[in-house]
Amino acid sequence: MRLRTLVPTIPADLVSAFESCGIKTDTDLLFFDGSNLELFAKLPRGLVVTCGELEKYVSLVAERASPPGIRGDEELEAALCKQRENALELSSGVGELDKLVGGFGGGRVFEISGEQGSGKTALALQISLRLLIAQPDTSVLWVDTRGDFSVGRTARVASELGAENVSAVLERLEVALALSIEDAQVLVSDLRERADVGHALPERLVRCVVMDSITPLLAPSLSNISAQGHATMTTFMQDLRDFARTHYFTFLVVNDTSAVVQQNSDTTFSSATRKPALGPSFAFLTDCTLWLSKHGDIEGESASMHETEVIRSRMTQSKTWCTFKIRRGVLHSAIS
């Protein structure tokens, strides 16, 4: 900040005197190499200013150049107020599962992993559709990385969940195809720009993002001989977590599996012969990692029994689990 902009707070003749000594900005003045007395001695003779007045003006410059003080309690209250205004209650509809993770809202990134048929996509779809049905002014972004998103399946599940107008619900489910990590980065960047000015837009604001699956985007670049792929993965996931916390979004990130030589030590069940893909560090880049598995079909019912375990969580207890049913594509409590 140039000292000339502080006139008349600082007398114009004093600013001119400073400039004649090579002191033109607040930085020059505040970081002058010497005491105020030595600065006073450098000023031109004939200037009508005392040493005490000089010290007062230096203090005024320091005050104008400093950011305003912020009280911690006021910052906390503002953050809590913003959270109350923006946070949405997201539920899977399975009470035991919601209890395990403390609900699916709160501005967090969830990793949903498990073998094929374990219910990963079914869980993400049910959370998304329940939000769309309950909140008509909200939309969901579904990032399809394999081109296999099924509109028919989505419509059937929405109907099973009790949607009165299935078409109106599906209109608010935005599906975007992303075949590379660069595509996903562009989508997230555009979404963040929309969220930053969301209050000024007439359109419905996206509040939940599903990536099904993130594995094809990140796995090809991961290598034992190069750190570039891991750096890309880390940066992308950190951006998602920052985005989620800032705007209270929920990210549901579906992750595939990879084989293990022996038992998967991350889970408490000895029968697990696979583990989440993308390496052990990926779980630390999310807020919660869920491991889903299928036990088998239920005799006498057109349903299957499944299990969900919290492998790692920043918010709730890890190594906890519950069971649930999937009937006609919809998740139900195991005791229903």
Protein backbone atom coordinates (compact mmCIF):
# COMPACT_ATOMS: atom_id res chain seq x y z
CA MET A 1 0.00 0.00 0.00
CA ARG A 2 1.44 3.35 -1.06
CA LEU A 3 1.65 5.91 1.73
CA ARG A 4 0.16 8.54 -0.58
CA THR A 5 -3.21 6.74 -0.34
CA LEU A 6 -3.27 7.38 3.43
CA VAL A 7 -3.51 11.17 3.04
CA PRO A 8 -5.08 12.95 4.99
CA THR A 9 -4.78 10.32 7.78
CA ILE A 10 -1.04 10.92 7.39
CA PRO A 11 -0.17 14.59 6.63
CA ALA A 12 0.77 15.16 2.98
CA ASP A 13 4.00 16.95 3.88
CA LEU A 14 5.10 14.00 6.03
CA VAL A 15 4.35 11.55 3.17
CA SER A 16 6.44 13.76 0.86
CA ALA A 17 9.24 13.72 3.42
CA PHE A 18 9.09 9.93 3.58
CA GLU A 19 9.22 9.70 -0.22
CA SER A 20 12.30 11.93 -0.33
CA CYS A 21 13.98 9.30 1.88
CA GLY A 22 12.96 6.46 -0.42
CA ILE A 23 10.05 5.35 1.81
CA LYS A 24 7.02 5.09 -0.49
CA THR A 25 4.96 2.17 0.82
CA ASP A 26 3.74 0.81 4.13
CA THR A 27 6.27 -2.01 3.80
CA ASP A 28 9.13 0.48 3.40
CA LEU A 29 8.02 2.31 6.52
CA LEU A 30 7.16 -0.63 8.80
CA PHE A 31 10.31 -2.53 7.92
CA PHE A 32 12.63 0.47 8.04
CA ASP A 33 16.08 -0.70 9.07
CA GLY A 34 16.40 1.28 12.27
CA SER A 35 14.46 2.79 15.16
CA ASN A 36 11.87 5.56 14.93
CA LEU A 37 14.51 7.92 16.28
CA GLU A 38 16.86 7.03 13.41
CA LEU A 39 13.98 7.49 10.97
CA PHE A 40 13.25 10.88 12.49
CA ALA A 41 16.88 11.86 11.95
CA LYS A 42 16.63 11.03 8.23
CA LEU A 43 13.69 13.33 7.60
CA PRO A 44 14.38 16.70 5.89
CA ARG A 45 15.09 19.64 8.17
CA GLY A 46 12.27 22.13 8.55
CA LEU A 47 9.57 19.47 8.73
CA VAL A 48 7.15 20.39 11.53
CA VAL A 49 6.70 17.04 13.28
CA THR A 50 7.90 15.77 16.62
CA CYS A 51 9.37 12.36 17.35
CA GLY A 52 6.24 11.46 19.31
CA GLU A 53 3.98 12.42 16.40
CA LEU A 54 6.14 10.37 14.03
CA GLU A 55 5.71 7.33 16.25
CA LYS A 56 1.94 7.89 16.27
CA TYR A 57 1.80 8.05 12.47
CA VAL A 58 3.88 4.89 12.12
CA SER A 59 1.40 3.14 14.42
CA LEU A 60 -1.49 4.40 12.28
CA VAL A 61 0.15 2.96 9.16
CA ALA A 62 0.64 -0.38 10.94
CA GLU A 63 -3.04 -0.36 11.97
CA ARG A 64 -4.25 0.37 8.44
CA ALA A 65 -1.97 -2.29 6.95
CA SER A 66 -3.07 -5.02 9.36
CA PRO A 67 -6.08 -7.28 8.74
CA PRO A 68 -8.90 -6.93 11.27
CA GLY A 69 -8.68 -9.18 14.28
CA ILE A 70 -11.02 -12.18 14.39
CA ARG A 71 -12.25 -13.75 17.60
CA GLY A 72 -12.18 -17.52 17.70
CA ASP A 73 -15.60 -17.87 19.29
CA GLU A 74 -17.16 -15.65 16.62
CA GLU A 75 -15.49 -17.69 13.85
CA LEU A 76 -16.78 -20.92 15.39
CA GLU A 77 -20.31 -19.59 15.72
CA ALA A 78 -20.26 -18.40 12.08
CA ALA A 79 -19.05 -21.82 10.92
CA LEU A 80 -21.73 -23.63 12.94
CA CYS A 81 -24.38 -21.27 11.63
CA LYS A 82 -23.29 -21.93 8.03
CA GLN A 83 -23.36 -25.66 8.70
CA ARG A 84 -26.89 -25.47 10.08
CA GLU A 85 -28.03 -23.50 7.04
CA ASN A 86 -26.38 -25.68 4.41
CA ALA A 87 -26.12 -29.19 5.80
CA LEU A 88 -28.61 -31.74 4.49
CA GLU A 89 -29.70 -34.95 6.14
CA LEU A 90 -28.79 -37.80 3.80
CA SER A 91 -29.96 -41.29 4.67
CA SER A 92 -29.63 -44.73 3.16
CA GLY A 93 -33.01 -45.72 4.55
CA VAL A 94 -31.36 -48.50 6.57
CA GLY A 95 -31.27 -47.27 10.16
CA GLU A 96 -28.46 -49.58 11.25
CA LEU A 97 -26.22 -48.40 8.41
CA ASP A 98 -26.98 -44.72 8.98
CA LYS A 99 -26.09 -45.17 12.64
CA LEU A 100 -22.73 -46.75 11.76
CA VAL A 101 -21.58 -43.69 9.80
CA GLY A 102 -23.55 -40.94 11.54
CA GLY A 103 -25.65 -40.35 8.43
CA PHE A 104 -24.36 -39.57 4.96
CA GLY A 105 -24.53 -35.78 5.19
CA GLY A 106 -22.22 -33.33 6.90
CA GLY A 107 -19.86 -32.47 4.04
CA ARG A 108 -17.90 -35.72 3.81
CA VAL A 109 -16.36 -38.04 1.22
CA PHE A 110 -17.44 -41.69 1.49
CA GLU A 111 -15.60 -44.56 -0.18
CA ILE A 112 -17.91 -47.48 -1.00
CA SER A 113 -16.00 -50.61 -1.92
CA GLY A 114 -16.78 -54.28 -2.36
CA GLU A 115 -16.91 -57.09 -4.87
CA GLN A 116 -19.26 -57.15 -7.84
CA GLY A 117 -22.82 -57.69 -6.68
CA SER A 118 -22.13 -56.53 -3.13
CA GLY A 119 -24.51 -53.55 -3.44
CA LYS A 120 -22.13 -50.61 -4.00
CA THR A 121 -24.10 -48.95 -6.77
CA ALA A 122 -27.41 -49.86 -5.11
CA LEU A 123 -26.36 -48.04 -1.94
CA ALA A 124 -25.16 -44.93 -3.79
CA LEU A 125 -28.31 -44.90 -5.93
CA GLN A 126 -30.62 -45.24 -2.93
CA ILE A 127 -28.96 -42.41 -1.01
CA SER A 128 -29.18 -40.19 -4.11
CA LEU A 129 -32.82 -40.97 -4.90
CA ARG A 130 -33.95 -40.59 -1.29
CA LEU A 131 -32.37 -37.11 -1.29
CA LEU A 132 -34.06 -36.16 -4.57
CA ILE A 133 -37.44 -37.39 -3.35
CA ALA A 134 -37.17 -35.59 0.00
CA GLN A 135 -35.66 -32.34 -1.32
CA PRO A 136 -37.40 -31.13 -4.53
CA ASP A 137 -35.08 -28.11 -4.78
CA THR A 138 -31.93 -30.27 -4.87
CA SER A 139 -30.17 -32.21 -7.61
CA VAL A 140 -27.53 -34.95 -7.71
CA LEU A 141 -24.58 -35.32 -10.08
CA TRP A 142 -23.84 -38.91 -11.10
CA VAL A 143 -20.41 -39.30 -12.71
CA ASP A 144 -20.51 -42.42 -14.90
CA THR A 145 -16.99 -43.65 -15.69
CA ARG A 146 -17.91 -46.80 -17.63
CA GLY A 147 -20.96 -45.75 -19.61
CA ASP A 148 -23.19 -48.31 -17.90
CA PHE A 149 -25.60 -46.08 -16.00
CA SER A 150 -29.09 -47.59 -16.29
CA VAL A 151 -32.04 -45.20 -16.53
CA GLY A 152 -34.48 -48.10 -16.36
CA ARG A 153 -33.00 -49.42 -13.12
CA THR A 154 -32.98 -45.93 -11.63
CA ALA A 155 -36.63 -45.39 -12.52
CA ARG A 156 -37.63 -48.73 -10.98
CA VAL A 157 -35.76 -47.98 -7.73
CA ALA A 158 -37.27 -44.49 -7.55
CA SER A 159 -40.73 -46.03 -7.89
CA GLU A 160 -39.93 -48.64 -5.21
CA LEU A 161 -38.83 -45.82 -2.89
CA GLY A 162 -42.22 -44.16 -3.23
CA ALA A 163 -41.53 -41.33 -5.68
CA GLU A 164 -44.90 -39.87 -6.73
CA ASN A 165 -43.47 -38.41 -9.95
CA VAL A 166 -40.55 -40.53 -11.13
CA SER A 167 -39.88 -38.33 -14.16
CA ALA A 168 -39.56 -35.21 -12.00
CA VAL A 169 -37.07 -37.01 -9.77
CA LEU A 170 -34.97 -38.23 -12.70
CA GLU A 171 -34.89 -34.73 -14.19
CA ARG A 172 -32.84 -33.66 -11.16
CA LEU A 173 -30.38 -36.53 -11.48
CA GLU A 174 -27.63 -35.15 -13.70
CA VAL A 175 -25.57 -37.90 -15.36
CA ALA A 176 -22.15 -37.00 -16.77
CA LEU A 177 -19.75 -39.33 -18.58
CA ALA A 178 -16.10 -39.11 -17.47
CA LEU A 179 -13.63 -41.50 -19.08
CA SER A 180 -10.45 -39.96 -17.69
CA ILE A 181 -9.28 -38.20 -14.54
CA GLU A 182 -9.02 -35.00 -16.57
CA ASP A 183 -12.74 -35.25 -17.42
CA ALA A 184 -13.55 -35.70 -13.73
CA GLN A 185 -11.37 -32.75 -12.74
CA VAL A 186 -13.22 -30.51 -15.22
CA LEU A 187 -16.59 -31.67 -13.87
CA VAL A 188 -15.59 -31.00 -10.26
CA SER A 189 -14.11 -27.60 -11.17
CA ASP A 190 -17.28 -26.56 -13.00
CA LEU A 191 -19.43 -27.79 -10.13
CA ARG A 192 -17.38 -25.82 -7.62
CA GLU A 193 -17.84 -22.65 -9.66
CA ARG A 194 -21.59 -23.27 -9.63
CA ALA A 195 -21.54 -23.87 -5.88
CA ASP A 196 -19.57 -20.69 -5.23
CA VAL A 197 -22.33 -18.61 -6.84
CA GLY A 198 -25.15 -21.04 -6.08
CA HIS A 199 -27.24 -18.48 -4.23
CA ALA A 200 -27.40 -16.32 -7.38
CA LEU A 201 -28.47 -19.12 -9.75
CA PRO A 202 -32.11 -19.96 -10.46
CA GLU A 203 -31.28 -23.64 -11.12
CA ARG A 204 -31.37 -26.34 -8.47
CA LEU A 205 -28.05 -26.76 -6.72
CA VAL A 206 -26.25 -30.09 -6.74
CA ARG A 207 -25.67 -31.25 -3.16
CA CYS A 208 -24.52 -34.84 -3.67
CA VAL A 209 -22.03 -36.29 -6.16
CA VAL A 210 -21.63 -39.98 -6.99
CA MET A 211 -18.58 -41.33 -8.82
CA ASP A 212 -19.29 -44.82 -10.09
CA SER A 213 -16.59 -45.90 -10.19
CA ILE A 214 -13.46 -43.88 -9.48
CA THR A 215 -11.16 -46.86 -10.06
CA PRO A 216 -10.92 -46.59 -13.90
CA LEU A 217 -9.97 -42.93 -13.54
CA LEU A 218 -7.06 -43.41 -11.15
CA ALA A 219 -5.81 -46.99 -11.47
CA PRO A 220 -4.17 -46.67 -14.94
CA SER A 221 -1.76 -43.99 -13.69
CA LEU A 222 -0.70 -45.77 -10.49
CA SER A 223 2.73 -47.38 -10.79
CA ASN A 224 5.48 -48.80 -8.61
CA ILE A 225 8.13 -46.88 -10.55
CA SER A 226 6.52 -43.43 -10.67
CA ALA A 227 4.92 -41.20 -8.04
CA GLN A 228 3.01 -39.09 -10.54
CA GLY A 229 -0.12 -41.23 -10.45
CA HIS A 230 -0.21 -41.24 -6.66
CA ALA A 231 0.28 -37.47 -6.62
CA THR A 232 -2.64 -37.04 -9.04
CA MET A 233 -4.84 -39.27 -6.88
CA THR A 234 -3.88 -37.44 -3.68
CA THR A 235 -4.46 -33.98 -5.16
CA PHE A 236 -7.83 -34.96 -6.65
CA MET A 237 -9.12 -36.54 -3.44
CA GLN A 238 -7.90 -33.64 -1.30
CA ASP A 239 -9.78 -31.28 -3.62
CA LEU A 240 -12.93 -33.36 -3.13
CA ARG A 241 -12.61 -33.27 0.67
CA ASP A 242 -12.01 -29.52 0.67
CA PHE A 243 -14.99 -29.03 -1.65
CA ALA A 244 -17.18 -31.22 0.60
CA ARG A 245 -16.23 -29.35 3.77
CA THR A 246 -16.56 -25.89 2.22
CA HIS A 247 -19.99 -26.39 0.65
CA TYR A 248 -21.31 -29.26 2.79
CA PHE A 249 -21.54 -31.57 -0.21
CA THR A 250 -21.60 -35.35 0.05
CA PHE A 251 -19.34 -37.33 -2.28
CA LEU A 252 -20.05 -41.04 -2.69
CA VAL A 253 -16.99 -42.57 -4.33
CA VAL A 254 -17.42 -46.16 -5.51
CA ASN A 255 -14.17 -48.12 -5.58
CA ASP A 256 -13.50 -51.54 -7.10
CA THR A 257 -11.46 -54.29 -5.47
CA SER A 258 -8.12 -56.00 -5.89
CA ALA A 259 -6.96 -59.44 -4.83
CA VAL A 260 -5.06 -60.20 -1.62
CA VAL A 261 -2.63 -63.05 -1.12
CA GLN A 262 -3.96 -63.87 2.32
CA GLN A 263 -6.79 -62.48 4.46
CA ASN A 264 -7.74 -58.84 4.06
CA SER A 265 -6.38 -57.44 7.33
CA ASP A 266 -8.51 -54.30 7.05
CA THR A 267 -11.69 -56.24 7.72
CA THR A 268 -12.66 -58.26 10.76
CA PHE A 269 -14.06 -61.11 8.65
CA SER A 270 -11.68 -63.94 7.78
CA SER A 271 -13.58 -64.86 4.62
CA ALA A 272 -12.56 -61.65 2.82
CA THR A 273 -10.18 -62.50 -0.02
CA ARG A 274 -10.23 -59.09 -1.70
CA LYS A 275 -9.61 -55.50 -0.61
CA PRO A 276 -10.41 -51.97 -1.86
CA ALA A 277 -8.49 -51.02 -5.00
CA LEU A 278 -6.11 -48.06 -5.46
CA GLY A 279 -3.75 -49.01 -2.63
CA PRO A 280 -3.82 -48.71 1.16
CA SER A 281 -3.35 -44.94 1.18
CA PHE A 282 -6.63 -44.26 -0.65
CA ALA A 283 -8.71 -44.92 2.48
CA PHE A 284 -6.85 -42.11 4.25
CA LEU A 285 -7.93 -39.67 1.52
CA THR A 286 -11.62 -40.09 2.38
CA ASP A 287 -13.67 -39.51 5.53
CA CYS A 288 -15.14 -42.99 5.69
CA THR A 289 -14.49 -46.32 3.94
CA LEU A 290 -17.33 -48.83 3.70
CA TRP A 291 -16.73 -52.43 2.68
CA LEU A 292 -19.80 -54.22 1.29
CA SER A 293 -20.16 -57.96 0.78
CA LYS A 294 -22.94 -60.34 -0.23
CA HIS A 295 -23.73 -63.38 1.89
CA GLY A 296 -26.18 -64.97 -0.52
CA ASP A 297 -29.81 -65.19 -1.50
CA ILE A 298 -32.46 -65.47 1.21
CA GLU A 299 -34.42 -68.70 0.97
CA GLY A 300 -38.10 -68.11 0.37
CA GLU A 301 -37.60 -64.42 -0.52
CA SER A 302 -36.70 -62.61 -3.72
CA ALA A 303 -33.95 -60.87 -1.80
CA SER A 304 -30.28 -61.23 -0.88
CA MET A 305 -28.46 -60.67 2.41
CA HIS A 306 -25.55 -58.23 2.51
CA GLU A 307 -23.11 -56.87 5.03
CA THR A 308 -21.53 -53.43 5.47
CA GLU A 309 -18.40 -52.83 7.54
CA VAL A 310 -16.83 -49.49 8.43
CA ILE A 311 -13.18 -50.20 7.69
CA ARG A 312 -11.98 -46.72 8.54
CA SER A 313 -13.78 -43.55 9.62
CA ARG A 314 -12.78 -40.08 10.82
CA MET A 315 -16.16 -39.45 12.43
CA THR A 316 -17.40 -42.74 13.89
CA GLN A 317 -15.97 -45.98 15.23
CA SER A 318 -14.13 -48.21 12.78
CA LYS A 319 -14.38 -52.03 12.59
CA THR A 320 -18.14 -51.91 13.13
CA TRP A 321 -20.66 -53.58 10.86
CA CYS A 322 -24.30 -54.30 10.14
CA THR A 323 -26.37 -56.42 7.76
CA PHE A 324 -29.09 -55.44 5.30
CA LYS A 325 -31.26 -56.90 2.56
CA ILE A 326 -31.58 -55.93 -1.06
CA ARG A 327 -35.03 -56.62 -2.46
CA ARG A 328 -35.94 -55.50 -5.99
CA GLY A 329 -32.92 -53.20 -6.02
CA VAL A 330 -33.81 -51.46 -2.74
CA LEU A 331 -31.89 -51.72 0.54
CA HIS A 332 -33.89 -52.74 3.62
CA SER A 333 -33.05 -53.44 7.24
CA ALA A 334 -32.11 -57.07 7.79
CA ILE A 335 -34.85 -57.41 10.40
CA SER A 336 -37.64 -56.04 8.21
